[in-house]
Amino acid sequence: MFFICKKRGSRSRHALMSEMNVTPMIDVMLVLLVIFMVTAPLLTVGVKVDLPTANAPNITNNNTPIVVHLTKEGKVFIGEVEVVLETLPDKLRAIVKESDAKIFVRGDKTLPYGFIMDVMGCISSAGFKKVVLVTELPKRERSAPRSR
């Protein structure tokens, strides 16, 4: 029989390691970070609206506006929360205290003009003066090469 003698206080070569290996945990966290970074921009528009097109310059501003969505069924959303048109001014005042906040209205192009004006009137009656109608830029058509 062969016995291994070890000195008191010394470690043997085959002793169990009691430290946690965090490398797989870090790998999983980095993969999750990449997944969230890729999917976060895709989640910005929660309500599907078919916007009309217009030749207008883009608005560049650092302030985050409130977005009011108008669907083709005539439903009104603030962000992703559906509201009744009559309660829209009160809900907007509850969300934003200052009246100089920007409100973006994203309305479906098939909606009647009168309905959009009703929504704009509700927003105006809430005291908001900076209301922007959101449109899509027209798709540029390829022009044929010009002959001289």
C-alpha atoms as a PDB file:
ATOM      1  CA  MET A   1       0.000   0.000   0.000  1.00  0.00           C
ATOM      2  CA  PHE A   2       1.063   3.458  -0.831  1.00  0.00           C
ATOM      3  CA  PHE A   3       0.107   6.401   1.405  1.00  0.00           C
ATOM      4  CA  ILE A   4       0.639  10.016   0.516  1.00  0.00           C
ATOM      5  CA  CYS A   5       2.024  11.973   3.360  1.00  0.00           C
ATOM      6  CA  LYS A   6       1.557  15.621   3.229  1.00  0.00           C
ATOM      7  CA  LYS A   7       2.839  18.231   5.498  1.00  0.00           C
ATOM      8  CA  ARG A   8       0.496  20.126   7.658  1.00  0.00           C
ATOM      9  CA  GLY A   9      -0.645  23.382   5.999  1.00  0.00           C
ATOM     10  CA  SER A  10       0.553  22.523   2.491  1.00  0.00           C
ATOM     11  CA  ARG A  11      -1.732  22.001  -0.494  1.00  0.00           C
ATOM     12  CA  SER A  12      -1.722  18.871  -2.524  1.00  0.00           C
ATOM     13  CA  ARG A  13      -1.756  18.941  -6.319  1.00  0.00           C
ATOM     14  CA  HIS A  14      -5.159  17.350  -6.527  1.00  0.00           C
ATOM     15  CA  ALA A  15      -7.040  19.432  -3.976  1.00  0.00           C
ATOM     16  CA  LEU A  16     -10.458  20.801  -4.959  1.00  0.00           C
ATOM     17  CA  MET A  17     -10.578  24.376  -6.153  1.00  0.00           C
ATOM     18  CA  SER A  18     -13.060  26.427  -4.151  1.00  0.00           C
ATOM     19  CA  GLU A  19     -13.009  29.553  -6.359  1.00  0.00           C
ATOM     20  CA  MET A  20     -15.843  30.291  -8.740  1.00  0.00           C
ATOM     21  CA  ASN A  21     -15.053  30.497 -12.436  1.00  0.00           C
ATOM     22  CA  VAL A  22     -16.723  33.710 -13.662  1.00  0.00           C
ATOM     23  CA  THR A  23     -15.573  33.566 -17.283  1.00  0.00           C
ATOM     24  CA  PRO A  24     -18.740  31.814 -18.583  1.00  0.00           C
ATOM     25  CA  MET A  25     -20.874  34.294 -16.653  1.00  0.00           C
ATOM     26  CA  ILE A  26     -19.052  37.227 -18.273  1.00  0.00           C
ATOM     27  CA  ASP A  27     -19.505  35.666 -21.705  1.00  0.00           C
ATOM     28  CA  VAL A  28     -23.245  35.322 -21.170  1.00  0.00           C
ATOM     29  CA  MET A  29     -23.527  38.919 -19.956  1.00  0.00           C
ATOM     30  CA  LEU A  30     -21.644  40.243 -23.000  1.00  0.00           C
ATOM     31  CA  VAL A  31     -23.901  38.283 -25.354  1.00  0.00           C
ATOM     32  CA  LEU A  32     -26.983  39.680 -23.603  1.00  0.00           C
ATOM     33  CA  LEU A  33     -25.560  43.196 -23.827  1.00  0.00           C
ATOM     34  CA  VAL A  34     -25.069  42.858 -27.575  1.00  0.00           C
ATOM     35  CA  ILE A  35     -28.579  41.456 -28.021  1.00  0.00           C
ATOM     36  CA  PHE A  36     -30.139  44.357 -26.093  1.00  0.00           C
ATOM     37  CA  MET A  37     -28.054  46.919 -27.964  1.00  0.00           C
ATOM     38  CA  VAL A  38     -29.269  45.538 -31.295  1.00  0.00           C
ATOM     39  CA  THR A  39     -32.940  45.167 -30.369  1.00  0.00           C
ATOM     40  CA  ALA A  40     -33.426  48.427 -28.421  1.00  0.00           C
ATOM     41  CA  PRO A  41     -33.547  50.724 -31.491  1.00  0.00           C
ATOM     42  CA  LEU A  42     -36.088  48.407 -33.116  1.00  0.00           C
ATOM     43  CA  LEU A  43     -38.502  48.865 -30.219  1.00  0.00           C
ATOM     44  CA  THR A  44     -38.849  52.665 -30.472  1.00  0.00           C
ATOM     45  CA  VAL A  45     -42.034  52.648 -32.548  1.00  0.00           C
ATOM     46  CA  GLY A  46     -44.678  50.626 -30.796  1.00  0.00           C
ATOM     47  CA  VAL A  47     -47.757  51.607 -32.800  1.00  0.00           C
ATOM     48  CA  LYS A  48     -47.919  50.774 -36.514  1.00  0.00           C
ATOM     49  CA  VAL A  49     -48.815  53.894 -38.470  1.00  0.00           C
ATOM     50  CA  ASP A  50     -48.579  54.378 -42.254  1.00  0.00           C
ATOM     51  CA  LEU A  51     -47.179  57.915 -42.474  1.00  0.00           C
ATOM     52  CA  PRO A  52     -47.731  60.269 -45.410  1.00  0.00           C
ATOM     53  CA  THR A  53     -44.716  61.633 -47.305  1.00  0.00           C
ATOM     54  CA  ALA A  54     -43.581  65.254 -47.483  1.00  0.00           C
ATOM     55  CA  ASN A  55     -40.597  67.278 -48.696  1.00  0.00           C
ATOM     56  CA  ALA A  56     -39.630  68.893 -45.403  1.00  0.00           C
ATOM     57  CA  PRO A  57     -36.275  69.125 -43.636  1.00  0.00           C
ATOM     58  CA  ASN A  58     -35.551  66.858 -40.682  1.00  0.00           C
ATOM     59  CA  ILE A  59     -35.950  68.334 -37.211  1.00  0.00           C
ATOM     60  CA  THR A  60     -32.893  68.017 -35.020  1.00  0.00           C
ATOM     61  CA  ASN A  61     -33.414  68.559 -31.326  1.00  0.00           C
ATOM     62  CA  ASN A  62     -31.963  67.069 -28.147  1.00  0.00           C
ATOM     63  CA  ASN A  63     -35.225  67.187 -26.162  1.00  0.00           C
ATOM     64  CA  THR A  64     -37.290  64.019 -26.191  1.00  0.00           C
ATOM     65  CA  PRO A  65     -40.769  64.845 -27.504  1.00  0.00           C
ATOM     66  CA  ILE A  66     -44.071  63.261 -26.578  1.00  0.00           C
ATOM     67  CA  VAL A  67     -45.385  61.159 -29.472  1.00  0.00           C
ATOM     68  CA  VAL A  68     -49.121  60.919 -30.157  1.00  0.00           C
ATOM     69  CA  HIS A  69     -49.991  58.088 -32.567  1.00  0.00           C
ATOM     70  CA  LEU A  70     -53.195  58.052 -34.621  1.00  0.00           C
ATOM     71  CA  THR A  71     -54.002  54.675 -36.162  1.00  0.00           C
ATOM     72  CA  LYS A  72     -56.119  54.089 -39.255  1.00  0.00           C
ATOM     73  CA  GLU A  73     -58.881  52.717 -37.004  1.00  0.00           C
ATOM     74  CA  GLY A  74     -59.116  56.133 -35.310  1.00  0.00           C
ATOM     75  CA  LYS A  75     -57.437  55.078 -32.056  1.00  0.00           C
ATOM     76  CA  VAL A  76     -55.263  57.598 -30.207  1.00  0.00           C
ATOM     77  CA  PHE A  77     -52.096  56.557 -28.374  1.00  0.00           C
ATOM     78  CA  ILE A  78     -49.669  58.520 -26.216  1.00  0.00           C
ATOM     79  CA  GLY A  79     -46.497  56.531 -26.688  1.00  0.00           C
ATOM     80  CA  GLU A  80     -47.855  52.981 -26.555  1.00  0.00           C
ATOM     81  CA  VAL A  81     -50.781  53.682 -24.218  1.00  0.00           C
ATOM     82  CA  GLU A  82     -54.229  54.012 -25.783  1.00  0.00           C
ATOM     83  CA  VAL A  83     -56.277  57.006 -24.623  1.00  0.00           C
ATOM     84  CA  VAL A  84     -59.729  58.343 -25.393  1.00  0.00           C
ATOM     85  CA  LEU A  85     -59.700  61.546 -27.466  1.00  0.00           C
ATOM     86  CA  GLU A  86     -61.696  63.455 -24.821  1.00  0.00           C
ATOM     87  CA  THR A  87     -59.107  62.689 -22.119  1.00  0.00           C
ATOM     88  CA  LEU A  88     -56.089  63.531 -24.319  1.00  0.00           C
ATOM     89  CA  PRO A  89     -55.569  67.113 -23.002  1.00  0.00           C
ATOM     90  CA  ASP A  90     -55.687  66.000 -19.350  1.00  0.00           C
ATOM     91  CA  LYS A  91     -53.302  63.100 -19.977  1.00  0.00           C
ATOM     92  CA  LEU A  92     -50.832  65.361 -21.798  1.00  0.00           C
ATOM     93  CA  ARG A  93     -50.937  67.937 -18.995  1.00  0.00           C
ATOM     94  CA  ALA A  94     -50.329  65.160 -16.462  1.00  0.00           C
ATOM     95  CA  ILE A  95     -47.292  63.891 -18.394  1.00  0.00           C
ATOM     96  CA  VAL A  96     -45.671  67.268 -19.118  1.00  0.00           C
ATOM     97  CA  LYS A  97     -45.875  70.256 -16.827  1.00  0.00           C
ATOM     98  CA  GLU A  98     -44.313  72.903 -19.111  1.00  0.00           C
ATOM     99  CA  SER A  99     -46.348  74.049 -22.111  1.00  0.00           C
ATOM    100  CA  ASP A 100     -43.292  74.566 -24.361  1.00  0.00           C
ATOM    101  CA  ALA A 101     -42.722  70.803 -24.720  1.00  0.00           C
ATOM    102  CA  LYS A 102     -42.794  69.400 -28.239  1.00  0.00           C
ATOM    103  CA  ILE A 103     -45.513  66.976 -29.228  1.00  0.00           C
ATOM    104  CA  PHE A 104     -45.080  64.840 -32.350  1.00  0.00           C
ATOM    105  CA  VAL A 105     -48.286  63.636 -34.022  1.00  0.00           C
ATOM    106  CA  ARG A 106     -47.861  60.494 -36.133  1.00  0.00           C
ATOM    107  CA  GLY A 107     -51.113  60.038 -38.026  1.00  0.00           C
ATOM    108  CA  ASP A 108     -51.974  57.390 -40.590  1.00  0.00           C
ATOM    109  CA  LYS A 109     -52.271  58.855 -44.085  1.00  0.00           C
ATOM    110  CA  THR A 110     -55.741  57.335 -44.587  1.00  0.00           C
ATOM    111  CA  LEU A 111     -57.283  59.255 -41.672  1.00  0.00           C
ATOM    112  CA  PRO A 112     -59.792  62.004 -42.456  1.00  0.00           C
ATOM    113  CA  TYR A 113     -58.438  65.543 -42.210  1.00  0.00           C
ATOM    114  CA  GLY A 114     -61.173  66.478 -39.720  1.00  0.00           C
ATOM    115  CA  PHE A 115     -60.099  63.777 -37.244  1.00  0.00           C
ATOM    116  CA  ILE A 116     -56.488  64.972 -37.322  1.00  0.00           C
ATOM    117  CA  MET A 117     -57.681  68.540 -36.743  1.00  0.00           C
ATOM    118  CA  ASP A 118     -59.785  67.354 -33.773  1.00  0.00           C
ATOM    119  CA  VAL A 119     -56.660  65.804 -32.237  1.00  0.00           C
ATOM    120  CA  MET A 120     -54.637  68.949 -32.959  1.00  0.00           C
ATOM    121  CA  GLY A 121     -57.396  71.013 -31.324  1.00  0.00           C
ATOM    122  CA  CYS A 122     -57.308  68.821 -28.214  1.00  0.00           C
ATOM    123  CA  ILE A 123     -53.537  69.219 -27.983  1.00  0.00           C
ATOM    124  CA  SER A 124     -53.825  72.970 -28.470  1.00  0.00           C
ATOM    125  CA  SER A 125     -56.565  73.228 -25.832  1.00  0.00           C
ATOM    126  CA  ALA A 126     -54.174  71.556 -23.388  1.00  0.00           C
ATOM    127  CA  GLY A 127     -51.896  74.591 -23.828  1.00  0.00           C
ATOM    128  CA  PHE A 128     -49.224  73.054 -26.046  1.00  0.00           C
ATOM    129  CA  LYS A 129     -48.037  75.309 -28.850  1.00  0.00           C
ATOM    130  CA  LYS A 130     -45.219  73.229 -30.383  1.00  0.00           C
ATOM    131  CA  VAL A 131     -46.984  70.479 -32.291  1.00  0.00           C
ATOM    132  CA  VAL A 132     -45.195  68.716 -35.142  1.00  0.00           C
ATOM    133  CA  LEU A 133     -46.860  66.492 -37.747  1.00  0.00           C
ATOM    134  CA  VAL A 134     -44.514  63.604 -38.544  1.00  0.00           C
ATOM    135  CA  THR A 135     -44.190  62.471 -42.168  1.00  0.00           C
ATOM    136  CA  GLU A 136     -41.898  60.200 -44.126  1.00  0.00           C
ATOM    137  CA  LEU A 137     -39.436  61.558 -46.642  1.00  0.00           C
ATOM    138  CA  PRO A 138     -40.373  60.669 -50.199  1.00  0.00           C
ATOM    139  CA  LYS A 139     -38.367  57.891 -51.795  1.00  0.00           C
ATOM    140  CA  ARG A 140     -35.999  59.341 -54.340  1.00  0.00           C
ATOM    141  CA  GLU A 141     -36.612  57.985 -57.767  1.00  0.00           C
ATOM    142  CA  ARG A 142     -33.674  57.031 -59.890  1.00  0.00           C
ATOM    143  CA  SER A 143     -33.349  59.518 -62.654  1.00  0.00           C
ATOM    144  CA  ALA A 144     -32.295  58.382 -66.079  1.00  0.00           C
ATOM    145  CA  PRO A 145     -28.899  59.646 -67.216  1.00  0.00           C
ATOM    146  CA  ARG A 146     -29.228  62.889 -69.056  1.00  0.00           C
ATOM    147  CA  SER A 147     -27.986  63.099 -72.579  1.00  0.00           C
ATOM    148  CA  ARG A 148     -26.309  66.282 -73.727  1.00  0.00           C
END
